[in-house]
């Protein structure tokens, strides 16, 4: 069975040969006027977020922490009388991580700079 037509509170099946199509034009009115909602209450917070982002505080804290950790590990390793493989591996990993930290730090510029 095909779609049904409701006429005078009755439902009748429609056969394929009795189908009709109808084009209908629809007019739509949309209100595009600008509404004044007042000043944005989050303006100061947005400015603060942009300032913190432009100062790059967090990447600088992370790279400074890494430099301090690297210094302490290298000084500790040089004071070990007979280093083991595990100690050498630790120093190798800490020094090798510097390349990743530096790459992340230099590659994390803001999108405005591009």
N, C-alpha and C. Protein backbone atom coordinates (compact mmCIF):
# COMPACT_ATOMS: atom_id res chain seq x y z
N UNK A 1 0.83 -1.18 0.00
CA UNK A 1 0.00 0.00 0.00
C UNK A 1 0.88 1.25 0.00
N UNK A 2 0.37 2.31 -0.54
CA UNK A 2 1.04 3.59 -0.65
C UNK A 2 0.50 4.56 0.40
N UNK A 3 0.95 5.82 0.36
CA UNK A 3 0.44 6.81 1.31
C UNK A 3 -1.08 6.95 1.23
N UNK A 4 -1.63 7.48 2.29
CA UNK A 4 -3.08 7.61 2.35
C UNK A 4 -3.49 9.07 2.32
N UNK A 5 -4.69 9.33 1.83
CA UNK A 5 -5.24 10.68 1.81
C UNK A 5 -6.38 10.73 2.81
N UNK A 6 -6.38 11.73 3.65
CA UNK A 6 -7.45 11.88 4.63
C UNK A 6 -8.47 12.85 4.04
N UNK A 7 -9.70 12.38 3.88
CA UNK A 7 -10.75 13.24 3.32
C UNK A 7 -12.04 12.94 4.06
N UNK A 8 -12.60 13.95 4.58
CA UNK A 8 -13.87 13.82 5.29
C UNK A 8 -13.81 12.75 6.38
N UNK A 9 -12.74 12.80 7.16
CA UNK A 9 -12.53 11.89 8.28
C UNK A 9 -12.46 10.42 7.86
N UNK A 10 -12.10 10.14 6.62
CA UNK A 10 -11.93 8.75 6.20
C UNK A 10 -10.53 8.58 5.67
N UNK A 11 -10.01 7.40 5.77
CA UNK A 11 -8.68 7.09 5.29
C UNK A 11 -8.82 6.06 4.18
N UNK A 12 -8.27 6.39 3.00
CA UNK A 12 -8.36 5.47 1.87
C UNK A 12 -6.96 5.25 1.32
N UNK A 13 -6.61 4.03 0.94
CA UNK A 13 -5.32 3.79 0.30
C UNK A 13 -5.26 4.44 -1.08
N UNK A 14 -4.06 4.88 -1.47
CA UNK A 14 -3.88 5.54 -2.75
C UNK A 14 -3.07 4.63 -3.64
N UNK A 15 -3.52 4.41 -4.84
CA UNK A 15 -2.76 3.58 -5.78
C UNK A 15 -1.77 4.48 -6.51
N UNK A 16 -0.81 3.86 -7.18
CA UNK A 16 0.23 4.62 -7.86
C UNK A 16 -0.31 5.45 -9.02
N UNK A 17 -1.30 4.98 -9.71
CA UNK A 17 -1.81 5.73 -10.86
C UNK A 17 -2.64 6.95 -10.47
N UNK A 18 -3.07 7.05 -9.22
CA UNK A 18 -3.88 8.19 -8.78
C UNK A 18 -3.08 9.24 -8.01
N UNK A 19 -1.77 9.19 -8.04
CA UNK A 19 -0.96 10.14 -7.28
C UNK A 19 -0.80 11.44 -8.05
N UNK A 20 -0.69 12.54 -7.32
CA UNK A 20 -0.50 13.86 -7.90
C UNK A 20 0.61 14.58 -7.14
N UNK A 21 1.28 15.47 -7.80
CA UNK A 21 2.27 16.31 -7.14
C UNK A 21 1.83 17.76 -7.27
N UNK A 22 2.21 18.55 -6.33
CA UNK A 22 1.82 19.95 -6.34
C UNK A 22 2.99 20.78 -5.83
N UNK A 23 3.34 21.82 -6.54
CA UNK A 23 4.40 22.73 -6.11
C UNK A 23 3.77 23.86 -5.31
N UNK A 24 4.36 24.15 -4.19
CA UNK A 24 3.84 25.19 -3.31
C UNK A 24 4.94 26.19 -3.03
N UNK A 25 4.65 27.47 -3.18
CA UNK A 25 5.61 28.51 -2.82
C UNK A 25 5.33 28.93 -1.38
N UNK A 26 6.40 29.03 -0.60
CA UNK A 26 6.28 29.41 0.80
C UNK A 26 7.05 30.71 1.00
N UNK A 27 6.41 31.67 1.58
CA UNK A 27 7.09 32.91 1.93
C UNK A 27 7.45 32.87 3.40
N UNK A 28 8.68 33.25 3.67
CA UNK A 28 9.19 33.20 5.03
C UNK A 28 9.75 34.56 5.40
N UNK A 29 9.34 35.07 6.52
CA UNK A 29 9.84 36.36 6.98
C UNK A 29 10.73 36.11 8.19
N UNK A 30 11.96 36.60 8.12
CA UNK A 30 12.94 36.40 9.18
C UNK A 30 13.33 37.75 9.74
N UNK A 31 13.35 37.86 11.06
CA UNK A 31 13.74 39.09 11.71
C UNK A 31 15.26 39.14 11.80
N UNK A 32 15.89 40.03 11.05
CA UNK A 32 17.35 40.14 11.05
C UNK A 32 17.83 41.41 11.74
N UNK A 33 16.98 42.02 12.50
CA UNK A 33 17.38 43.25 13.17
C UNK A 33 18.38 42.93 14.28
N UNK A 34 19.29 43.85 14.50
CA UNK A 34 20.31 43.69 15.53
C UNK A 34 19.70 44.07 16.88
N UNK A 35 19.87 43.19 17.83
CA UNK A 35 19.33 43.46 19.16
C UNK A 35 20.46 43.90 20.08
N UNK A 36 20.26 45.00 20.76
CA UNK A 36 21.25 45.49 21.70
C UNK A 36 21.04 44.79 23.04
N UNK A 37 21.96 43.89 23.37
CA UNK A 37 21.86 43.15 24.63
C UNK A 37 22.68 43.79 25.74
N UNK A 38 23.25 44.95 25.46
CA UNK A 38 24.06 45.62 26.47
C UNK A 38 25.51 45.18 26.38
N UNK A 39 26.33 45.67 27.28
CA UNK A 39 27.76 45.31 27.25
C UNK A 39 27.95 43.84 27.65
N UNK A 40 28.98 43.24 27.08
CA UNK A 40 29.31 41.86 27.40
C UNK A 40 29.87 41.79 28.82
N UNK A 41 29.25 41.02 29.71
CA UNK A 41 29.74 40.97 31.09
C UNK A 41 31.08 40.24 31.22
N UNK A 42 31.51 39.53 30.18
CA UNK A 42 32.74 38.75 30.26
C UNK A 42 33.91 39.43 29.56
N UNK A 43 33.78 40.70 29.21
CA UNK A 43 34.83 41.40 28.48
C UNK A 43 36.15 41.41 29.24
N UNK A 44 36.11 41.72 30.52
CA UNK A 44 37.35 41.77 31.31
C UNK A 44 38.00 40.39 31.40
N UNK A 45 37.20 39.36 31.55
CA UNK A 45 37.74 38.00 31.62
C UNK A 45 38.37 37.59 30.29
N UNK A 46 37.76 37.99 29.19
CA UNK A 46 38.32 37.69 27.87
C UNK A 46 39.65 38.40 27.68
N UNK A 47 39.73 39.66 28.10
CA UNK A 47 40.99 40.41 28.00
C UNK A 47 42.08 39.76 28.86
N UNK A 48 41.72 39.32 30.06
CA UNK A 48 42.69 38.64 30.93
C UNK A 48 43.18 37.35 30.30
N UNK A 49 42.28 36.58 29.72
CA UNK A 49 42.67 35.32 29.08
C UNK A 49 43.61 35.57 27.91
N UNK A 50 43.31 36.61 27.12
CA UNK A 50 44.21 36.93 26.00
C UNK A 50 45.57 37.40 26.49
N UNK A 51 45.60 38.15 27.57
CA UNK A 51 46.88 38.62 28.12
C UNK A 51 47.71 37.44 28.63
N UNK A 52 47.08 36.54 29.37
CA UNK A 52 47.81 35.37 29.89
C UNK A 52 48.31 34.52 28.73
N UNK A 53 47.50 34.39 27.69
CA UNK A 53 47.92 33.62 26.52
C UNK A 53 49.08 34.29 25.80
N UNK A 54 49.06 35.60 25.69
CA UNK A 54 50.15 36.30 25.00
C UNK A 54 51.44 36.32 25.82
N UNK A 55 51.32 36.26 27.14
CA UNK A 55 52.52 36.21 27.98
C UNK A 55 53.15 34.83 27.97
N UNK A 56 52.40 33.81 27.55
CA UNK A 56 52.86 32.41 27.48
C UNK A 56 53.43 31.96 28.82
N UNK A 57 52.66 32.19 29.87
CA UNK A 57 53.10 31.86 31.23
C UNK A 57 53.33 30.38 31.40
N UNK A 58 52.36 29.55 31.01
CA UNK A 58 52.46 28.12 31.27
C UNK A 58 53.60 27.45 30.51
N UNK A 59 53.80 27.72 29.22
CA UNK A 59 54.97 27.12 28.57
C UNK A 59 56.29 27.55 29.20
N UNK A 60 56.36 28.79 29.65
CA UNK A 60 57.61 29.25 30.28
C UNK A 60 57.83 28.60 31.64
N UNK A 61 56.77 28.38 32.38
CA UNK A 61 56.90 27.67 33.66
C UNK A 61 57.35 26.24 33.43
N UNK A 62 56.75 25.58 32.43
CA UNK A 62 57.12 24.19 32.14
C UNK A 62 58.57 24.08 31.68
N UNK A 63 59.03 24.95 30.80
CA UNK A 63 60.41 24.87 30.32
C UNK A 63 61.38 25.23 31.43
N UNK A 64 61.01 26.17 32.31
CA UNK A 64 61.88 26.50 33.45
C UNK A 64 61.99 25.33 34.42
N UNK A 65 60.88 24.66 34.65
CA UNK A 65 60.90 23.47 35.52
C UNK A 65 61.78 22.38 34.92
N UNK A 66 61.68 22.20 33.60
CA UNK A 66 62.52 21.20 32.95
C UNK A 66 64.01 21.56 33.08
N UNK A 67 64.34 22.82 32.88
CA UNK A 67 65.75 23.24 32.98
C UNK A 67 66.28 22.97 34.39
N UNK A 68 65.48 23.28 35.41
CA UNK A 68 65.88 23.02 36.79
C UNK A 68 66.06 21.52 37.02
N UNK A 69 65.11 20.71 36.54
CA UNK A 69 65.22 19.25 36.69
C UNK A 69 66.45 18.72 35.97
N UNK A 70 66.72 19.19 34.78
CA UNK A 70 67.89 18.76 34.02
C UNK A 70 69.17 19.11 34.77
N UNK A 71 69.26 20.31 35.30
CA UNK A 71 70.45 20.71 36.05
C UNK A 71 70.68 19.80 37.25
N UNK A 72 69.61 19.56 38.03
CA UNK A 72 69.75 18.71 39.22
C UNK A 72 70.16 17.28 38.86
N UNK A 73 69.57 16.73 37.81
CA UNK A 73 69.89 15.35 37.41
C UNK A 73 71.33 15.25 36.92
N UNK A 74 71.78 16.20 36.13
CA UNK A 74 73.16 16.15 35.61
C UNK A 74 74.16 16.31 36.75
N UNK A 75 73.91 17.23 37.69
CA UNK A 75 74.81 17.40 38.83
C UNK A 75 74.83 16.13 39.68
N UNK A 76 73.65 15.53 39.91
CA UNK A 76 73.58 14.27 40.68
C UNK A 76 74.36 13.18 39.98
N UNK A 77 74.20 13.05 38.67
CA UNK A 77 74.86 11.99 37.91
C UNK A 77 76.38 12.15 37.93
N UNK A 78 76.85 13.39 37.87
CA UNK A 78 78.30 13.61 37.88
C UNK A 78 78.90 13.30 39.24
N UNK A 79 78.11 13.34 40.31
CA UNK A 79 78.61 13.04 41.66
C UNK A 79 78.52 11.55 42.01
N UNK A 80 77.86 10.74 41.16
CA UNK A 80 77.77 9.30 41.42
C UNK A 80 79.14 8.69 41.08
N UNK A 81 79.74 7.94 42.05
CA UNK A 81 81.09 7.41 41.79
C UNK A 81 81.13 6.38 40.67
N UNK A 82 80.25 5.40 40.68
CA UNK A 82 80.20 4.39 39.62
C UNK A 82 78.74 4.25 39.16
N UNK A 83 78.37 4.95 38.11
CA UNK A 83 76.97 4.92 37.68
C UNK A 83 76.59 3.55 37.09
N UNK A 84 75.38 3.14 37.35
CA UNK A 84 74.86 1.88 36.80
C UNK A 84 74.14 2.18 35.49
N UNK A 85 73.71 1.11 34.82
CA UNK A 85 72.96 1.27 33.57
C UNK A 85 71.63 1.99 33.80
N UNK A 86 71.00 1.70 34.93
CA UNK A 86 69.71 2.33 35.23
C UNK A 86 69.88 3.83 35.42
N UNK A 87 70.95 4.22 36.14
CA UNK A 87 71.20 5.64 36.35
C UNK A 87 71.53 6.34 35.03
N UNK A 88 72.30 5.69 34.20
CA UNK A 88 72.62 6.26 32.89
C UNK A 88 71.36 6.40 32.03
N UNK A 89 70.47 5.41 32.12
CA UNK A 89 69.22 5.47 31.38
C UNK A 89 68.34 6.62 31.83
N UNK A 90 68.31 6.85 33.15
CA UNK A 90 67.52 7.96 33.68
C UNK A 90 68.03 9.29 33.14
N UNK A 91 69.33 9.49 33.18
CA UNK A 91 69.91 10.74 32.69
C UNK A 91 69.68 10.87 31.19
N UNK A 92 69.81 9.77 30.48
CA UNK A 92 69.57 9.79 29.03
C UNK A 92 68.14 10.20 28.70
N UNK A 93 67.18 9.68 29.45
CA UNK A 93 65.78 10.01 29.21
C UNK A 93 65.51 11.48 29.55
N UNK A 94 66.04 11.96 30.66
CA UNK A 94 65.80 13.35 31.06
C UNK A 94 66.43 14.31 30.05
N UNK A 95 67.64 14.01 29.59
CA UNK A 95 68.30 14.87 28.60
C UNK A 95 67.57 14.78 27.26
N UNK A 96 67.16 13.56 26.87
CA UNK A 96 66.46 13.39 25.60
C UNK A 96 65.09 14.05 25.59
N UNK A 97 64.46 14.13 26.73
CA UNK A 97 63.16 14.79 26.81
C UNK A 97 63.28 16.29 26.54
N UNK A 98 64.48 16.82 26.70
CA UNK A 98 64.70 18.25 26.44
C UNK A 98 64.37 18.62 25.01
N UNK A 99 64.67 17.73 24.06
CA UNK A 99 64.35 18.01 22.66
C UNK A 99 62.84 18.12 22.47
N UNK A 100 62.09 17.23 23.11
CA UNK A 100 60.64 17.27 23.00
C UNK A 100 60.08 18.53 23.66
N UNK A 101 60.59 18.86 24.84
CA UNK A 101 60.11 20.06 25.54
C UNK A 101 60.40 21.31 24.71
N UNK A 102 61.62 21.38 24.17
CA UNK A 102 61.99 22.56 23.39
C UNK A 102 61.14 22.66 22.13
N UNK A 103 60.90 21.52 21.47
CA UNK A 103 60.05 21.52 20.28
C UNK A 103 58.63 21.97 20.59
N UNK A 104 58.08 21.50 21.70
CA UNK A 104 56.74 21.92 22.09
C UNK A 104 56.71 23.41 22.44
N UNK A 105 57.75 23.88 23.11
CA UNK A 105 57.79 25.29 23.52
C UNK A 105 57.88 26.21 22.30
N UNK A 106 58.76 25.90 21.37
CA UNK A 106 58.92 26.77 20.20
C UNK A 106 57.77 26.63 19.22
N UNK A 107 57.11 25.48 19.20
CA UNK A 107 56.01 25.27 18.27
C UNK A 107 54.67 25.67 18.80
N UNK A 108 54.61 26.24 19.98
CA UNK A 108 53.32 26.58 20.58
C UNK A 108 53.01 28.06 20.49
N UNK A 109 53.38 28.68 19.34
CA UNK A 109 53.08 30.10 19.20
C UNK A 109 51.58 30.28 18.98
N UNK A 110 51.12 31.47 19.20
CA UNK A 110 49.69 31.73 19.05
C UNK A 110 49.31 31.73 17.57
N UNK A 111 48.03 31.57 17.29
CA UNK A 111 47.54 31.50 15.91
C UNK A 111 47.61 32.85 15.21
N UNK A 112 47.69 33.92 15.97
CA UNK A 112 47.77 35.25 15.37
C UNK A 112 49.12 35.48 14.69
N UNK A 113 50.17 34.77 15.16
CA UNK A 113 51.51 34.98 14.63
C UNK A 113 51.68 34.38 13.25
N UNK A 114 50.82 33.46 12.86
CA UNK A 114 51.01 32.75 11.59
C UNK A 114 50.51 33.54 10.43
